[in-house]
Amino acid sequence: MELEGKRSYIVDMVFVICLMLLFVFSALSVITIGADVYQKNVGSVAGNYSKRIACAYITEKIRQSDANGGIYVENVFDQNTIVLQSDVNGVLYNTYIYAYEGNLMELYAMDELKDLYPQSGQKILELNYYNVEDIGNNTLSVNVTLDDGTEESFFVKTRSTQMSQ
């Protein structure tokens, strides 16, 4: 009789230990799968962020400066550059959006300044290629290649009536 009670006790203990190990294994599996899904989502969101921020930034800057004759494309720093011109208390200021050393840059300076240095601008976003063209009819064509190799091309139409200088 005593032997049978001990066997029952041992079987109960083995069953509880196996059940606990199964629970631990299941919990670790769920955590591992969740971490993998989370990592993929973070990578996807980061990629989408870079794509959207380049297009949205350029488009929004153009829309903010959309005044008559205030937006044009000019060759600055040996490349086509978006120039957003604004009048502040009778003084003309230019915002230049251009690429420099793998970054989209923005430089704000008085219009009368002619000795500008590309490294003086604010870094906005890393990219491999940037080109903008005035294709006429108040439309800019912007081509961007991000640092991950993703190419984005988009058009921005302005409401102002004069764009070229």
Protein backbone atom coordinates (compact mmCIF):
# COMPACT_ATOMS: atom_id res chain seq x y z
CA MET A 1 0.00 0.00 0.00
CA GLU A 2 2.73 2.41 0.91
CA LEU A 3 4.50 1.82 -2.39
CA GLU A 4 1.38 2.62 -4.34
CA GLY A 5 0.95 5.98 -2.51
CA LYS A 6 4.54 6.98 -3.26
CA ARG A 7 4.08 6.10 -6.97
CA SER A 8 0.97 8.23 -7.09
CA TYR A 9 2.86 11.08 -5.42
CA ILE A 10 5.78 10.77 -7.89
CA VAL A 11 3.43 10.61 -10.90
CA ASP A 12 1.61 13.70 -9.61
CA MET A 13 4.92 15.57 -9.22
CA VAL A 14 6.16 14.55 -12.68
CA PHE A 15 2.82 15.63 -14.16
CA VAL A 16 3.01 19.04 -12.44
CA ILE A 17 6.64 19.56 -13.51
CA CYS A 18 5.81 18.59 -17.12
CA LEU A 19 2.84 20.93 -17.08
CA MET A 20 5.02 23.76 -15.74
CA LEU A 21 7.71 23.12 -18.39
CA LEU A 22 5.04 23.13 -21.10
CA PHE A 23 3.76 26.48 -19.81
CA VAL A 24 7.29 27.96 -19.75
CA PHE A 25 8.01 26.68 -23.27
CA SER A 26 4.71 28.12 -24.55
CA ALA A 27 5.36 31.49 -22.90
CA LEU A 28 8.87 31.70 -24.38
CA SER A 29 7.53 30.77 -27.82
CA VAL A 30 4.88 33.48 -27.69
CA ILE A 31 7.46 36.07 -26.54
CA THR A 32 9.87 35.07 -29.33
CA ILE A 33 7.17 35.24 -32.01
CA GLY A 34 5.94 38.59 -30.66
CA ALA A 35 9.44 40.06 -30.63
CA ASP A 36 10.00 38.95 -34.24
CA VAL A 37 6.71 40.52 -35.38
CA TYR A 38 7.53 43.72 -33.47
CA GLN A 39 10.99 43.94 -35.03
CA LYS A 40 9.56 43.55 -38.55
CA ASN A 41 6.95 46.23 -37.88
CA VAL A 42 9.53 48.67 -36.53
CA GLY A 43 11.68 48.15 -39.64
CA SER A 44 8.70 48.69 -41.91
CA VAL A 45 7.59 51.83 -40.06
CA ALA A 46 11.11 53.27 -40.18
CA GLY A 47 11.29 52.70 -43.94
CA ASN A 48 7.88 54.27 -44.50
CA TYR A 49 8.84 57.20 -42.29
CA SER A 50 11.88 58.02 -44.45
CA LYS A 51 9.82 57.82 -47.63
CA ARG A 52 7.03 59.97 -46.33
CA ILE A 53 9.21 62.53 -44.57
CA ALA A 54 11.22 63.38 -47.70
CA CYS A 55 8.12 63.96 -49.83
CA ALA A 56 6.11 65.62 -47.08
CA TYR A 57 8.93 67.92 -46.01
CA ILE A 58 9.61 69.27 -49.50
CA THR A 59 5.91 69.57 -50.35
CA GLU A 60 5.08 71.35 -47.09
CA LYS A 61 7.97 73.82 -47.41
CA ILE A 62 6.80 74.69 -50.93
CA ARG A 63 3.21 75.11 -49.81
CA GLN A 64 4.25 77.36 -46.91
CA SER A 65 6.10 79.68 -49.28
CA ASP A 66 3.55 79.63 -52.08
CA ALA A 67 3.41 83.36 -52.79
CA ASN A 68 3.55 85.04 -56.18
CA GLY A 69 7.04 84.53 -57.59
CA GLY A 70 8.34 83.20 -54.28
CA ILE A 71 9.21 79.70 -55.48
CA TYR A 72 11.72 78.90 -58.18
CA VAL A 73 14.52 76.51 -59.12
CA GLU A 74 18.05 77.88 -59.33
CA ASN A 75 21.48 76.35 -59.81
CA VAL A 76 23.10 76.81 -56.40
CA PHE A 77 26.05 74.77 -55.10
CA ASP A 78 26.38 73.25 -58.63
CA GLN A 79 22.96 71.61 -58.48
CA ASN A 80 19.31 72.40 -59.02
CA THR A 81 17.99 73.84 -55.77
CA ILE A 82 14.53 74.86 -54.66
CA VAL A 83 14.57 78.51 -53.63
CA LEU A 84 11.71 79.74 -51.45
CA GLN A 85 11.77 83.51 -51.27
CA SER A 86 9.99 85.53 -48.58
CA ASP A 87 9.75 89.19 -47.67
CA VAL A 88 10.28 89.97 -43.98
CA ASN A 89 9.83 93.66 -43.14
CA GLY A 90 10.99 94.70 -46.62
CA VAL A 91 14.05 92.45 -46.64
CA LEU A 92 14.15 89.42 -48.97
CA TYR A 93 15.19 86.08 -47.48
CA ASN A 94 15.74 82.81 -49.33
CA THR A 95 15.33 79.28 -48.08
CA TYR A 96 17.39 76.86 -50.15
CA ILE A 97 16.51 73.15 -50.22
CA TYR A 98 19.36 71.10 -51.67
CA ALA A 99 21.49 67.98 -51.21
CA TYR A 100 24.94 68.00 -49.67
CA GLU A 101 27.17 65.06 -48.68
CA GLY A 102 24.33 62.54 -48.59
CA ASN A 103 21.83 64.76 -46.78
CA LEU A 104 18.83 66.83 -47.71
CA MET A 105 19.70 70.30 -46.44
CA GLU A 106 17.93 73.59 -45.76
CA LEU A 107 19.68 76.94 -45.65
CA TYR A 108 17.96 80.22 -44.72
CA ALA A 109 19.81 83.39 -45.73
CA MET A 110 19.31 86.96 -46.89
CA ASP A 111 18.82 87.27 -50.64
CA GLU A 112 21.70 89.73 -50.99
CA LEU A 113 24.24 87.20 -49.64
CA LYS A 114 26.08 85.60 -52.54
CA ASP A 115 28.86 83.68 -50.75
CA LEU A 116 26.89 80.77 -49.36
CA TYR A 117 28.44 77.54 -48.16
CA PRO A 118 26.51 74.28 -48.53
CA GLN A 119 27.75 72.93 -45.19
CA SER A 120 26.08 75.88 -43.43
CA GLY A 121 22.62 74.40 -43.93
CA GLN A 122 20.55 72.32 -41.54
CA LYS A 123 20.59 68.53 -42.14
CA ILE A 124 17.07 67.26 -42.68
CA LEU A 125 17.30 63.67 -43.92
CA GLU A 126 19.90 61.25 -45.25
CA LEU A 127 19.60 60.50 -48.97
CA ASN A 128 21.67 59.35 -51.94
CA TYR A 129 20.24 61.48 -54.74
CA TYR A 130 18.17 64.65 -55.05
CA ASN A 131 17.10 66.56 -58.13
CA VAL A 132 14.41 69.14 -58.74
CA GLU A 133 13.29 70.64 -62.03
CA ASP A 134 10.85 73.34 -63.05
CA ILE A 135 8.81 71.53 -65.72
CA GLY A 136 6.65 74.55 -66.45
CA ASN A 137 3.02 75.38 -65.77
CA ASN A 138 3.91 76.14 -62.11
CA THR A 139 4.97 72.55 -61.49
CA LEU A 140 8.12 71.19 -59.89
CA SER A 141 9.35 67.66 -60.47
CA VAL A 142 11.28 66.25 -57.51
CA ASN A 143 13.32 63.02 -57.59
CA VAL A 144 14.81 61.60 -54.42
CA THR A 145 16.71 58.39 -53.73
CA LEU A 146 16.82 57.56 -50.04
CA ASP A 147 19.79 56.01 -48.28
CA ASP A 148 18.16 52.56 -48.48
CA GLY A 149 17.94 52.83 -52.30
CA THR A 150 14.21 53.61 -52.47
CA GLU A 151 13.43 56.02 -55.29
CA GLU A 152 10.66 58.58 -54.90
CA SER A 153 9.44 60.90 -57.64
CA PHE A 154 6.64 63.38 -57.21
CA PHE A 155 5.27 66.62 -58.61
CA VAL A 156 4.35 69.73 -56.66
CA LYS A 157 2.04 72.24 -58.28
CA THR A 158 2.11 75.75 -56.91
CA ARG A 159 -0.70 78.27 -56.86
CA SER A 160 1.53 81.23 -57.48
CA THR A 161 1.63 82.49 -61.05
CA GLN A 162 5.33 83.08 -61.57
CA MET A 163 7.95 80.51 -60.65
CA SER A 164 11.10 80.92 -62.78
CA GLN A 165 13.78 83.54 -62.27
